[in-house]
């Protein structure tokens, strides 16, 4: 389930190509279901962020330790948050041309005819 933000949009070529590669690597289908725009109340991640923002309200997030202390207190539906600091920097600006992506559309990237922007099935190459 995705929010259709710019990094995981159903039209972002690098995201879709990465999912095709992942699907091929593990020989698994991946189904993408997007939340409708401006309906964050349905998105559990948005609710979690709202709760986290309330918890750190007034704190200056000036160190990793401060952030970790706040995150240790975060629970969602009675489950404690698991926190991992990722320091890897991801390359930005990766894109693939329409011609490159055309080879995947309809074969590895199958869009629901009625919900083209909201439901995508990524399938491995046979």
Protein backbone atom coordinates (compact mmCIF):
# COMPACT_ATOMS: atom_id res chain seq x y z
CA UNK A 1 0.00 0.00 0.00
CA UNK A 2 1.53 3.27 -1.12
CA UNK A 3 0.72 6.97 -0.93
CA UNK A 4 1.68 7.82 -4.54
CA UNK A 5 4.31 10.29 -3.36
CA UNK A 6 7.06 11.33 -5.76
CA UNK A 7 9.48 8.59 -4.69
CA UNK A 8 7.08 5.67 -5.12
CA UNK A 9 4.76 6.93 -7.81
CA UNK A 10 3.34 4.54 -10.38
CA UNK A 11 4.97 6.63 -13.11
CA UNK A 12 8.45 6.94 -11.57
CA UNK A 13 10.61 4.92 -13.91
CA UNK A 14 13.45 4.16 -11.47
CA UNK A 15 10.99 2.90 -8.85
CA UNK A 16 9.14 0.69 -11.32
CA UNK A 17 12.34 -0.66 -12.90
CA UNK A 18 13.67 -1.48 -9.43
CA UNK A 19 10.49 -3.41 -8.65
CA UNK A 20 10.72 -5.34 -11.93
CA UNK A 21 14.31 -6.27 -11.04
CA UNK A 22 13.23 -7.32 -7.53
CA UNK A 23 10.33 -9.36 -8.92
CA UNK A 24 12.68 -11.12 -11.33
CA UNK A 25 15.29 -11.78 -8.62
CA UNK A 26 12.83 -13.50 -6.27
CA UNK A 27 10.36 -14.80 -8.90
CA UNK A 28 7.47 -13.14 -7.05
CA UNK A 29 4.60 -10.90 -8.10
CA UNK A 30 4.39 -7.53 -6.38
CA UNK A 31 1.03 -5.79 -6.20
CA UNK A 32 1.01 -2.03 -5.67
CA UNK A 33 -2.15 -0.47 -4.27
CA UNK A 34 -2.12 3.31 -3.92
CA UNK A 35 -4.16 5.34 -1.47
CA UNK A 36 -6.30 8.04 -3.10
CA UNK A 37 -4.82 11.55 -2.98
CA UNK A 38 -5.44 13.66 0.12
CA UNK A 39 -6.79 10.75 2.15
CA UNK A 40 -4.00 10.37 4.68
CA UNK A 41 -6.52 9.27 7.30
CA UNK A 42 -6.58 5.87 5.57
CA UNK A 43 -2.80 5.54 5.46
CA UNK A 44 -1.44 3.96 8.67
CA UNK A 45 2.03 5.41 8.05
CA UNK A 46 0.57 8.93 8.05
CA UNK A 47 -1.16 8.21 11.36
CA UNK A 48 2.09 6.96 12.82
CA UNK A 49 3.89 10.11 11.64
CA UNK A 50 1.21 12.28 13.24
CA UNK A 51 1.69 10.47 16.55
CA UNK A 52 5.48 10.79 16.30
CA UNK A 53 5.22 14.52 15.55
CA UNK A 54 3.11 14.99 18.68
CA UNK A 55 5.73 13.12 20.73
CA UNK A 56 8.69 15.20 19.56
CA UNK A 57 6.82 18.51 19.69
CA UNK A 58 9.08 20.99 21.47
CA UNK A 59 12.23 18.86 21.27
CA UNK A 60 15.17 20.00 19.22
CA UNK A 61 16.18 16.98 17.14
CA UNK A 62 19.86 17.85 17.20
CA UNK A 63 21.35 14.39 17.60
CA UNK A 64 20.76 10.78 16.70
CA UNK A 65 20.58 9.96 20.42
CA UNK A 66 17.69 12.38 21.01
CA UNK A 67 15.82 10.91 18.06
CA UNK A 68 16.42 7.36 19.32
CA UNK A 69 15.17 8.25 22.83
CA UNK A 70 11.92 9.59 21.39
CA UNK A 71 11.52 6.63 19.04
CA UNK A 72 11.99 4.15 21.92
CA UNK A 73 8.80 5.54 23.47
CA UNK A 74 6.77 5.24 20.26
CA UNK A 75 4.12 2.52 20.16
CA UNK A 76 1.46 1.86 17.55
CA UNK A 77 -1.48 -0.38 18.33
CA UNK A 78 0.39 -1.53 21.46
CA UNK A 79 3.49 -2.52 19.49
CA UNK A 80 6.82 -0.83 20.22
CA UNK A 81 8.59 0.75 17.28
CA UNK A 82 11.73 -0.90 15.93
CA UNK A 83 14.31 1.72 15.07
CA UNK A 84 17.27 1.42 12.74
CA UNK A 85 19.48 4.29 11.65
CA UNK A 86 20.28 4.13 7.94
CA UNK A 87 23.19 6.30 6.85
CA UNK A 88 23.37 5.15 3.23
CA UNK A 89 22.89 7.93 0.71
CA UNK A 90 20.75 6.95 -2.25
CA UNK A 91 21.54 8.24 -5.71
CA UNK A 92 19.06 10.80 -6.98
CA UNK A 93 18.00 11.64 -10.49
CA UNK A 94 17.92 8.09 -11.88
CA UNK A 95 15.44 7.87 -14.74
CA UNK A 96 14.74 5.58 -17.68
CA UNK A 97 13.34 6.73 -21.00
CA UNK A 98 9.85 5.88 -22.21
CA UNK A 99 11.45 3.63 -24.82
CA UNK A 100 13.37 1.70 -22.15
CA UNK A 101 10.25 1.32 -19.99
CA UNK A 102 8.04 0.29 -22.91
CA UNK A 103 9.59 -3.20 -22.83
CA UNK A 104 8.13 -3.72 -19.32
CA UNK A 105 4.67 -2.17 -19.75
CA UNK A 106 2.00 -4.82 -20.25
CA UNK A 107 4.52 -7.62 -19.62
CA UNK A 108 6.15 -6.98 -16.24
CA UNK A 109 4.13 -3.90 -15.32
CA UNK A 110 0.42 -4.59 -15.62
CA UNK A 111 -1.95 -1.75 -14.85
CA UNK A 112 -5.55 -2.40 -13.85
CA UNK A 113 -7.69 -1.04 -16.72
CA UNK A 114 -10.24 0.49 -14.35
CA UNK A 115 -7.73 1.80 -11.80
CA UNK A 116 -4.63 2.55 -13.92
CA UNK A 117 -3.10 5.00 -11.46
CA UNK A 118 -4.09 3.15 -8.30
CA UNK A 119 -3.37 -0.56 -8.93
CA UNK A 120 -0.25 -2.00 -10.58
CA UNK A 121 0.92 -5.60 -10.71
CA UNK A 122 4.65 -6.20 -11.19
CA UNK A 123 5.37 -9.69 -12.47
CA UNK A 124 8.63 -11.57 -13.01
CA UNK A 125 9.82 -12.43 -16.51
CA UNK A 126 9.03 -16.06 -17.27
